[in-house]
Amino acid sequence: MRHYTVTPEEAGKRLDQYLAIVKPDLTRSFIQKIIKDGNVFVNHRKITKNSQKLKENDELMVTIPSIKEIGIKAEHIP
């Protein structure tokens, strides 16, 4: 679980935009999925809307699930 605190400069941003800034290694669609799946808490409340506006000093707790292997194997085509 990762913890973040919203700074005055970050206040007013949408939740998905904020997470894209603090976790640039994640895609925007993956960020939206973890929000929708209930893996993001703001001030100890589960948030499932990407459009949630953040306020200064909001405390975020984010659980980033591990990426699963999908088990697709390449097929040899002569």
C-alpha atoms as a PDB file:
ATOM      1  CA  MET A   1       0.000   0.000   0.000  1.00  0.00           C
ATOM      2  CA  ARG A   2       1.320   3.429  -0.916  1.00  0.00           C
ATOM      3  CA  HIS A   3       0.549   6.631   1.007  1.00  0.00           C
ATOM      4  CA  TYR A   4       0.395  10.145  -0.452  1.00  0.00           C
ATOM      5  CA  THR A   5      -0.514  13.588   0.895  1.00  0.00           C
ATOM      6  CA  VAL A   6      -1.905  16.232  -1.455  1.00  0.00           C
ATOM      7  CA  THR A   7       0.159  19.432  -1.517  1.00  0.00           C
ATOM      8  CA  PRO A   8      -1.275  22.926  -2.092  1.00  0.00           C
ATOM      9  CA  GLU A   9      -0.009  22.817  -5.702  1.00  0.00           C
ATOM     10  CA  GLU A  10      -1.810  19.505  -6.337  1.00  0.00           C
ATOM     11  CA  ALA A  11      -5.110  20.512  -4.710  1.00  0.00           C
ATOM     12  CA  GLY A  12      -8.036  20.734  -7.120  1.00  0.00           C
ATOM     13  CA  LYS A  13      -6.788  17.957  -9.401  1.00  0.00           C
ATOM     14  CA  ARG A  14      -8.931  14.970 -10.264  1.00  0.00           C
ATOM     15  CA  LEU A  15      -7.957  11.762  -8.496  1.00  0.00           C
ATOM     16  CA  ASP A  16      -6.919   9.995 -11.716  1.00  0.00           C
ATOM     17  CA  GLN A  17      -4.838  12.996 -12.828  1.00  0.00           C
ATOM     18  CA  TYR A  18      -3.089  13.161  -9.468  1.00  0.00           C
ATOM     19  CA  LEU A  19      -2.220   9.468  -9.496  1.00  0.00           C
ATOM     20  CA  ALA A  20      -0.885   9.780 -13.053  1.00  0.00           C
ATOM     21  CA  ILE A  21       1.519  12.449 -11.752  1.00  0.00           C
ATOM     22  CA  VAL A  22       2.726  10.596  -8.658  1.00  0.00           C
ATOM     23  CA  LYS A  23       2.861   7.195 -10.413  1.00  0.00           C
ATOM     24  CA  PRO A  24       4.010   7.983 -13.975  1.00  0.00           C
ATOM     25  CA  ASP A  25       4.931   4.319 -14.515  1.00  0.00           C
ATOM     26  CA  LEU A  26       1.215   3.365 -14.518  1.00  0.00           C
ATOM     27  CA  THR A  27      -1.062   3.893 -17.503  1.00  0.00           C
ATOM     28  CA  ARG A  28      -4.090   6.148 -17.163  1.00  0.00           C
ATOM     29  CA  SER A  29      -6.432   3.237 -17.929  1.00  0.00           C
ATOM     30  CA  PHE A  30      -4.790   1.075 -15.221  1.00  0.00           C
ATOM     31  CA  ILE A  31      -5.141   3.945 -12.738  1.00  0.00           C
ATOM     32  CA  GLN A  32      -8.828   4.295 -13.605  1.00  0.00           C
ATOM     33  CA  LYS A  33      -9.281   0.544 -13.135  1.00  0.00           C
ATOM     34  CA  ILE A  34      -7.718   0.471  -9.656  1.00  0.00           C
ATOM     35  CA  ILE A  35      -9.921   3.410  -8.643  1.00  0.00           C
ATOM     36  CA  LYS A  36     -13.049   1.702  -9.987  1.00  0.00           C
ATOM     37  CA  ASP A  37     -12.074  -1.577  -8.295  1.00  0.00           C
ATOM     38  CA  GLY A  38     -11.940   0.151  -4.885  1.00  0.00           C
ATOM     39  CA  ASN A  39      -8.175   0.148  -4.357  1.00  0.00           C
ATOM     40  CA  VAL A  40      -7.962   3.872  -3.563  1.00  0.00           C
ATOM     41  CA  PHE A  41      -8.912   5.526  -0.282  1.00  0.00           C
ATOM     42  CA  VAL A  42      -9.005   9.272   0.353  1.00  0.00           C
ATOM     43  CA  ASN A  43      -9.080  10.196   4.039  1.00  0.00           C
ATOM     44  CA  HIS A  44      -9.895   6.543   4.884  1.00  0.00           C
ATOM     45  CA  ARG A  45     -12.946   6.492   2.567  1.00  0.00           C
ATOM     46  CA  LYS A  46     -13.058   4.197  -0.458  1.00  0.00           C
ATOM     47  CA  ILE A  47     -13.323   6.237  -3.655  1.00  0.00           C
ATOM     48  CA  THR A  48     -14.564   4.691  -6.910  1.00  0.00           C
ATOM     49  CA  LYS A  49     -14.932   7.830  -9.042  1.00  0.00           C
ATOM     50  CA  ASN A  50     -12.034   9.017 -11.201  1.00  0.00           C
ATOM     51  CA  SER A  51     -13.399  12.543 -11.121  1.00  0.00           C
ATOM     52  CA  GLN A  52     -13.063  12.958  -7.332  1.00  0.00           C
ATOM     53  CA  LYS A  53     -11.470  16.377  -6.734  1.00  0.00           C
ATOM     54  CA  LEU A  54      -8.660  16.425  -4.206  1.00  0.00           C
ATOM     55  CA  LYS A  55      -8.111  19.001  -1.483  1.00  0.00           C
ATOM     56  CA  GLU A  56      -4.948  20.158   0.208  1.00  0.00           C
ATOM     57  CA  ASN A  57      -3.740  17.686   2.864  1.00  0.00           C
ATOM     58  CA  ASP A  58      -5.997  14.856   1.642  1.00  0.00           C
ATOM     59  CA  GLU A  59      -4.418  11.537   2.633  1.00  0.00           C
ATOM     60  CA  LEU A  60      -4.430   8.877  -0.069  1.00  0.00           C
ATOM     61  CA  MET A  61      -3.856   5.157   0.401  1.00  0.00           C
ATOM     62  CA  VAL A  62      -3.418   3.243  -2.837  1.00  0.00           C
ATOM     63  CA  THR A  63      -3.111  -0.500  -3.289  1.00  0.00           C
ATOM     64  CA  ILE A  64      -1.546  -1.378  -6.627  1.00  0.00           C
ATOM     65  CA  PRO A  65      -2.356  -4.985  -7.493  1.00  0.00           C
ATOM     66  CA  SER A  66       0.303  -7.099  -9.140  1.00  0.00           C
ATOM     67  CA  ILE A  67       0.002  -7.572 -12.858  1.00  0.00           C
ATOM     68  CA  LYS A  68      -1.084 -11.096 -13.706  1.00  0.00           C
ATOM     69  CA  GLU A  69       0.507 -13.166 -16.430  1.00  0.00           C
ATOM     70  CA  ILE A  70      -2.152 -13.945 -19.025  1.00  0.00           C
ATOM     71  CA  GLY A  71      -0.556 -17.167 -20.198  1.00  0.00           C
ATOM     72  CA  ILE A  72      -0.567 -16.465 -23.919  1.00  0.00           C
ATOM     73  CA  LYS A  73       2.123 -18.352 -25.791  1.00  0.00           C
ATOM     74  CA  ALA A  74       3.429 -17.609 -29.239  1.00  0.00           C
ATOM     75  CA  GLU A  75       2.438 -20.061 -31.907  1.00  0.00           C
ATOM     76  CA  HIS A  76       5.002 -21.157 -34.470  1.00  0.00           C
ATOM     77  CA  ILE A  77       3.622 -20.447 -37.932  1.00  0.00           C
ATOM     78  CA  PRO A  78       5.786 -21.803 -40.776  1.00  0.00           C
END
